[in-house]
């Protein structure tokens, strides 16, 4: 049986997920008390309050399970991530189809890896673009087939390990410049 490869998530995302998980777990007794209170109101077949409390419990338990699975199958370690090579945990700067004006910067990882930076898109290493650039070096041009069937060429301008402090600093500078 093949070993499941852990997915990269940013340290901020891990902390955010852990905080949400702890809050949901701490909220369990409140939901259980609500269910018990509504159960005592009588006939459960026509008890909308009971149904709503049970639905809330189901949703929260599903989210607990989802977060637990993400955390169990992820890592903040970036083994093998190096400057100049696009890999999971890398921030990659590219341009498309030979047009240096058509640029994009993104993080390679899962949606759960998404950084707190709203300007930094995240692409999975299994998505067409992510799969095409993983392992490519600065200056390499790779091709991939878009979901619409078009063949797209992507040139790697740079690739660097994700650095949350650096991106927080850049975001703060951008906001400061916008407020002037």
C-alpha atoms as a PDB file:
ATOM      1  CA  UNK A   1       0.000   0.000   0.000  1.00  0.00           C
ATOM      2  CA  UNK A   2       1.383   3.401  -0.985  1.00  0.00           C
ATOM      3  CA  UNK A   3       2.134   5.847   1.800  1.00  0.00           C
ATOM      4  CA  UNK A   4       0.003   8.994   1.708  1.00  0.00           C
ATOM      5  CA  UNK A   5       2.162  12.038   1.028  1.00  0.00           C
ATOM      6  CA  UNK A   6       1.551  14.882   3.447  1.00  0.00           C
ATOM      7  CA  UNK A   7       0.345  18.140   1.921  1.00  0.00           C
ATOM      8  CA  UNK A   8       2.079  21.424   2.683  1.00  0.00           C
ATOM      9  CA  UNK A   9       0.130  24.077   4.597  1.00  0.00           C
ATOM     10  CA  UNK A  10       1.459  27.402   5.793  1.00  0.00           C
ATOM     11  CA  UNK A  11       2.154  27.827   9.516  1.00  0.00           C
ATOM     12  CA  UNK A  12      -0.576  30.523   9.654  1.00  0.00           C
ATOM     13  CA  UNK A  13      -3.105  28.166   8.116  1.00  0.00           C
ATOM     14  CA  UNK A  14      -2.169  25.427  10.570  1.00  0.00           C
ATOM     15  CA  UNK A  15      -2.608  27.813  13.514  1.00  0.00           C
ATOM     16  CA  UNK A  16      -5.951  29.047  12.135  1.00  0.00           C
ATOM     17  CA  UNK A  17      -7.232  25.478  11.670  1.00  0.00           C
ATOM     18  CA  UNK A  18      -6.065  24.443  15.147  1.00  0.00           C
ATOM     19  CA  UNK A  19      -7.824  27.474  16.651  1.00  0.00           C
ATOM     20  CA  UNK A  20     -11.056  26.659  14.798  1.00  0.00           C
ATOM     21  CA  UNK A  21     -10.825  22.992  15.834  1.00  0.00           C
ATOM     22  CA  UNK A  22     -10.323  23.890  19.503  1.00  0.00           C
ATOM     23  CA  UNK A  23     -13.282  26.295  19.393  1.00  0.00           C
ATOM     24  CA  UNK A  24     -15.531  23.661  17.822  1.00  0.00           C
ATOM     25  CA  UNK A  25     -14.497  21.051  20.380  1.00  0.00           C
ATOM     26  CA  UNK A  26     -15.076  23.520  23.225  1.00  0.00           C
ATOM     27  CA  UNK A  27     -18.545  24.263  21.771  1.00  0.00           C
ATOM     28  CA  UNK A  28     -19.641  20.587  21.900  1.00  0.00           C
ATOM     29  CA  UNK A  29     -21.126  20.785  25.442  1.00  0.00           C
ATOM     30  CA  UNK A  30     -23.164  23.862  24.468  1.00  0.00           C
ATOM     31  CA  UNK A  31     -24.661  22.055  21.477  1.00  0.00           C
ATOM     32  CA  UNK A  32     -25.321  18.915  23.548  1.00  0.00           C
ATOM     33  CA  UNK A  33     -27.105  21.015  26.184  1.00  0.00           C
ATOM     34  CA  UNK A  34     -29.203  22.678  23.462  1.00  0.00           C
ATOM     35  CA  UNK A  35     -30.217  19.274  22.100  1.00  0.00           C
ATOM     36  CA  UNK A  36     -31.186  18.048  25.579  1.00  0.00           C
ATOM     37  CA  UNK A  37     -33.164  21.226  26.264  1.00  0.00           C
ATOM     38  CA  UNK A  38     -35.053  20.926  22.967  1.00  0.00           C
ATOM     39  CA  UNK A  39     -35.643  17.182  23.507  1.00  0.00           C
ATOM     40  CA  UNK A  40     -37.513  17.978  26.714  1.00  0.00           C
ATOM     41  CA  UNK A  41     -39.965  20.219  24.822  1.00  0.00           C
ATOM     42  CA  UNK A  42     -41.928  17.173  23.732  1.00  0.00           C
ATOM     43  CA  UNK A  43     -42.685  15.428  20.444  1.00  0.00           C
ATOM     44  CA  UNK A  44     -39.453  15.180  18.438  1.00  0.00           C
ATOM     45  CA  UNK A  45     -41.288  14.656  15.131  1.00  0.00           C
ATOM     46  CA  UNK A  46     -42.503  18.254  15.067  1.00  0.00           C
ATOM     47  CA  UNK A  47     -39.797  19.956  17.095  1.00  0.00           C
ATOM     48  CA  UNK A  48     -37.987  22.454  14.843  1.00  0.00           C
ATOM     49  CA  UNK A  49     -35.692  23.599  17.668  1.00  0.00           C
ATOM     50  CA  UNK A  50     -34.511  20.022  18.223  1.00  0.00           C
ATOM     51  CA  UNK A  51     -34.000  19.486  14.482  1.00  0.00           C
ATOM     52  CA  UNK A  52     -32.003  22.720  14.218  1.00  0.00           C
ATOM     53  CA  UNK A  53     -29.792  21.787  17.189  1.00  0.00           C
ATOM     54  CA  UNK A  54     -29.134  18.315  15.737  1.00  0.00           C
ATOM     55  CA  UNK A  55     -28.318  19.852  12.343  1.00  0.00           C
ATOM     56  CA  UNK A  56     -25.870  22.258  14.016  1.00  0.00           C
ATOM     57  CA  UNK A  57     -24.271  19.328  15.813  1.00  0.00           C
ATOM     58  CA  UNK A  58     -23.944  17.374  12.544  1.00  0.00           C
ATOM     59  CA  UNK A  59     -22.368  20.352  10.760  1.00  0.00           C
ATOM     60  CA  UNK A  60     -19.915  21.044  13.565  1.00  0.00           C
ATOM     61  CA  UNK A  61     -18.918  17.372  13.869  1.00  0.00           C
ATOM     62  CA  UNK A  62     -18.368  17.201  10.090  1.00  0.00           C
ATOM     63  CA  UNK A  63     -16.133  20.287  10.278  1.00  0.00           C
ATOM     64  CA  UNK A  64     -14.207  18.785  13.224  1.00  0.00           C
ATOM     65  CA  UNK A  65     -13.614  15.655  11.161  1.00  0.00           C
ATOM     66  CA  UNK A  66     -12.570  17.689   8.101  1.00  0.00           C
ATOM     67  CA  UNK A  67     -10.099  19.858  10.050  1.00  0.00           C
ATOM     68  CA  UNK A  68      -8.699  16.826  11.886  1.00  0.00           C
ATOM     69  CA  UNK A  69      -8.068  15.075   8.556  1.00  0.00           C
ATOM     70  CA  UNK A  70      -6.401  18.162   7.064  1.00  0.00           C
ATOM     71  CA  UNK A  71      -4.112  18.512  10.076  1.00  0.00           C
ATOM     72  CA  UNK A  72      -3.303  14.788  10.178  1.00  0.00           C
ATOM     73  CA  UNK A  73      -2.411  14.738   6.480  1.00  0.00           C
ATOM     74  CA  UNK A  74      -0.458  17.973   6.285  1.00  0.00           C
ATOM     75  CA  UNK A  75       2.874  19.433   7.248  1.00  0.00           C
ATOM     76  CA  UNK A  76       4.468  22.842   7.562  1.00  0.00           C
ATOM     77  CA  UNK A  77       7.846  21.283   6.757  1.00  0.00           C
ATOM     78  CA  UNK A  78       9.208  22.208   3.355  1.00  0.00           C
ATOM     79  CA  UNK A  79      11.726  19.436   2.839  1.00  0.00           C
ATOM     80  CA  UNK A  80      13.235  19.678  -0.609  1.00  0.00           C
ATOM     81  CA  UNK A  81      11.996  23.232  -1.206  1.00  0.00           C
ATOM     82  CA  UNK A  82      14.852  25.339  -2.538  1.00  0.00           C
ATOM     83  CA  UNK A  83      15.336  28.674  -4.209  1.00  0.00           C
ATOM     84  CA  UNK A  84      14.986  28.528  -7.959  1.00  0.00           C
ATOM     85  CA  UNK A  85      12.927  25.324  -8.132  1.00  0.00           C
ATOM     86  CA  UNK A  86       9.118  25.249  -8.155  1.00  0.00           C
ATOM     87  CA  UNK A  87       7.872  22.757  -5.592  1.00  0.00           C
ATOM     88  CA  UNK A  88       5.122  22.291  -3.015  1.00  0.00           C
ATOM     89  CA  UNK A  89       5.631  25.106  -0.507  1.00  0.00           C
ATOM     90  CA  UNK A  90       7.157  27.411  -3.134  1.00  0.00           C
ATOM     91  CA  UNK A  91       5.953  30.818  -4.195  1.00  0.00           C
ATOM     92  CA  UNK A  92       6.298  30.863  -7.963  1.00  0.00           C
ATOM     93  CA  UNK A  93       6.412  33.895 -10.255  1.00  0.00           C
ATOM     94  CA  UNK A  94       5.512  33.077 -13.882  1.00  0.00           C
ATOM     95  CA  UNK A  95       4.464  34.622 -17.155  1.00  0.00           C
ATOM     96  CA  UNK A  96       2.218  33.041 -19.752  1.00  0.00           C
ATOM     97  CA  UNK A  97       2.630  32.256 -23.458  1.00  0.00           C
ATOM     98  CA  UNK A  98       5.806  34.297 -23.842  1.00  0.00           C
ATOM     99  CA  UNK A  99       4.061  37.514 -22.769  1.00  0.00           C
ATOM    100  CA  UNK A 100       6.142  39.039 -19.964  1.00  0.00           C
ATOM    101  CA  UNK A 101       3.251  41.389 -19.171  1.00  0.00           C
ATOM    102  CA  UNK A 102       0.918  38.481 -18.367  1.00  0.00           C
ATOM    103  CA  UNK A 103       2.396  37.627 -14.955  1.00  0.00           C
ATOM    104  CA  UNK A 104       1.134  35.718 -11.963  1.00  0.00           C
ATOM    105  CA  UNK A 105       2.486  34.837  -8.538  1.00  0.00           C
ATOM    106  CA  UNK A 106       1.116  31.850  -6.629  1.00  0.00           C
ATOM    107  CA  UNK A 107       1.811  29.333  -3.870  1.00  0.00           C
ATOM    108  CA  UNK A 108       1.971  25.645  -4.762  1.00  0.00           C
ATOM    109  CA  UNK A 109      -0.009  23.597  -2.243  1.00  0.00           C
ATOM    110  CA  UNK A 110      -3.539  22.605  -1.355  1.00  0.00           C
ATOM    111  CA  UNK A 111      -6.380  25.034  -0.714  1.00  0.00           C
ATOM    112  CA  UNK A 112      -5.799  24.269   2.952  1.00  0.00           C
ATOM    113  CA  UNK A 113      -2.292  25.645   2.448  1.00  0.00           C
ATOM    114  CA  UNK A 114      -3.574  29.005   1.350  1.00  0.00           C
ATOM    115  CA  UNK A 115      -1.756  31.857   2.986  1.00  0.00           C
ATOM    116  CA  UNK A 116      -3.382  34.726   4.820  1.00  0.00           C
ATOM    117  CA  UNK A 117      -2.370  36.942   1.899  1.00  0.00           C
ATOM    118  CA  UNK A 118      -5.453  37.515  -0.294  1.00  0.00           C
ATOM    119  CA  UNK A 119      -3.185  38.552  -3.182  1.00  0.00           C
ATOM    120  CA  UNK A 120      -1.409  35.180  -3.222  1.00  0.00           C
ATOM    121  CA  UNK A 121      -3.383  32.545  -5.120  1.00  0.00           C
ATOM    122  CA  UNK A 122      -2.810  28.891  -4.200  1.00  0.00           C
ATOM    123  CA  UNK A 123      -2.693  26.104  -6.789  1.00  0.00           C
ATOM    124  CA  UNK A 124      -2.651  22.420  -5.954  1.00  0.00           C
ATOM    125  CA  UNK A 125       0.257  20.376  -7.212  1.00  0.00           C
ATOM    126  CA  UNK A 126      -2.379  18.112  -8.786  1.00  0.00           C
ATOM    127  CA  UNK A 127      -4.039  20.939 -10.743  1.00  0.00           C
ATOM    128  CA  UNK A 128      -2.899  21.267 -14.371  1.00  0.00           C
ATOM    129  CA  UNK A 129      -0.798  24.392 -13.714  1.00  0.00           C
ATOM    130  CA  UNK A 130       0.631  23.107 -10.432  1.00  0.00           C
ATOM    131  CA  UNK A 131       1.544  19.716 -11.906  1.00  0.00           C
ATOM    132  CA  UNK A 132       3.230  21.380 -14.891  1.00  0.00           C
ATOM    133  CA  UNK A 133       5.477  23.664 -12.863  1.00  0.00           C
ATOM    134  CA  UNK A 134       6.491  21.315 -10.015  1.00  0.00           C
ATOM    135  CA  UNK A 135      10.177  20.551 -10.475  1.00  0.00           C
ATOM    136  CA  UNK A 136      10.710  23.317 -13.047  1.00  0.00           C
ATOM    137  CA  UNK A 137      13.608  25.711 -12.535  1.00  0.00           C
ATOM    138  CA  UNK A 138      13.879  29.451 -13.046  1.00  0.00           C
ATOM    139  CA  UNK A 139      13.966  30.170 -16.778  1.00  0.00           C
ATOM    140  CA  UNK A 140      12.237  26.888 -17.727  1.00  0.00           C
ATOM    141  CA  UNK A 141       9.165  27.014 -19.946  1.00  0.00           C
ATOM    142  CA  UNK A 142       6.636  24.232 -19.474  1.00  0.00           C
ATOM    143  CA  UNK A 143       3.299  23.483 -21.108  1.00  0.00           C
ATOM    144  CA  UNK A 144       0.041  22.274 -19.683  1.00  0.00           C
ATOM    145  CA  UNK A 145      -3.447  21.700 -20.969  1.00  0.00           C
ATOM    146  CA  UNK A 146      -6.080  23.959 -19.449  1.00  0.00           C
ATOM    147  CA  UNK A 147      -9.507  22.517 -18.591  1.00  0.00           C
ATOM    148  CA  UNK A 148     -10.893  24.159 -21.755  1.00  0.00           C
ATOM    149  CA  UNK A 149      -8.414  22.142 -23.842  1.00  0.00           C
ATOM    150  CA  UNK A 150      -6.057  25.017 -24.682  1.00  0.00           C
ATOM    151  CA  UNK A 151      -2.315  24.409 -24.413  1.00  0.00           C
ATOM    152  CA  UNK A 152      -0.672  27.081 -22.285  1.00  0.00           C
ATOM    153  CA  UNK A 153       3.042  27.799 -21.977  1.00  0.00           C
ATOM    154  CA  UNK A 154       4.325  29.000 -18.623  1.00  0.00           C
ATOM    155  CA  UNK A 155       7.801  30.416 -18.005  1.00  0.00           C
ATOM    156  CA  UNK A 156       9.171  30.297 -14.472  1.00  0.00           C
ATOM    157  CA  UNK A 157      10.582  33.710 -13.538  1.00  0.00           C
ATOM    158  CA  UNK A 158      11.450  32.733  -9.971  1.00  0.00           C
ATOM    159  CA  UNK A 159      10.587  30.219  -7.285  1.00  0.00           C
ATOM    160  CA  UNK A 160      11.297  30.607  -3.599  1.00  0.00           C
ATOM    161  CA  UNK A 161      10.231  28.865  -0.392  1.00  0.00           C
ATOM    162  CA  UNK A 162       7.139  30.451   1.148  1.00  0.00           C
ATOM    163  CA  UNK A 163       8.138  32.860   3.914  1.00  0.00           C
ATOM    164  CA  UNK A 164       5.160  34.096   5.922  1.00  0.00           C
ATOM    165  CA  UNK A 165       7.102  36.956   7.521  1.00  0.00           C
ATOM    166  CA  UNK A 166       8.241  38.238   4.131  1.00  0.00           C
ATOM    167  CA  UNK A 167       4.735  38.137   2.681  1.00  0.00           C
ATOM    168  CA  UNK A 168       3.263  39.832   5.752  1.00  0.00           C
ATOM    169  CA  UNK A 169       5.855  42.598   5.375  1.00  0.00           C
ATOM    170  CA  UNK A 170       5.110  43.003   1.644  1.00  0.00           C
ATOM    171  CA  UNK A 171       1.378  43.104   2.349  1.00  0.00           C
ATOM    172  CA  UNK A 172       1.857  45.788   5.033  1.00  0.00           C
ATOM    173  CA  UNK A 173       4.005  47.846   2.651  1.00  0.00           C
ATOM    174  CA  UNK A 174       1.379  47.554  -0.076  1.00  0.00           C
ATOM    175  CA  UNK A 175      -1.398  48.639   2.310  1.00  0.00           C
ATOM    176  CA  UNK A 176       0.706  51.570   3.556  1.00  0.00           C
ATOM    177  CA  UNK A 177       1.358  52.696  -0.023  1.00  0.00           C
ATOM    178  CA  UNK A 178      -2.358  52.443  -0.834  1.00  0.00           C
ATOM    179  CA  UNK A 179      -3.263  54.613   2.188  1.00  0.00           C
ATOM    180  CA  UNK A 180      -0.931  57.465   1.180  1.00  0.00           C
END
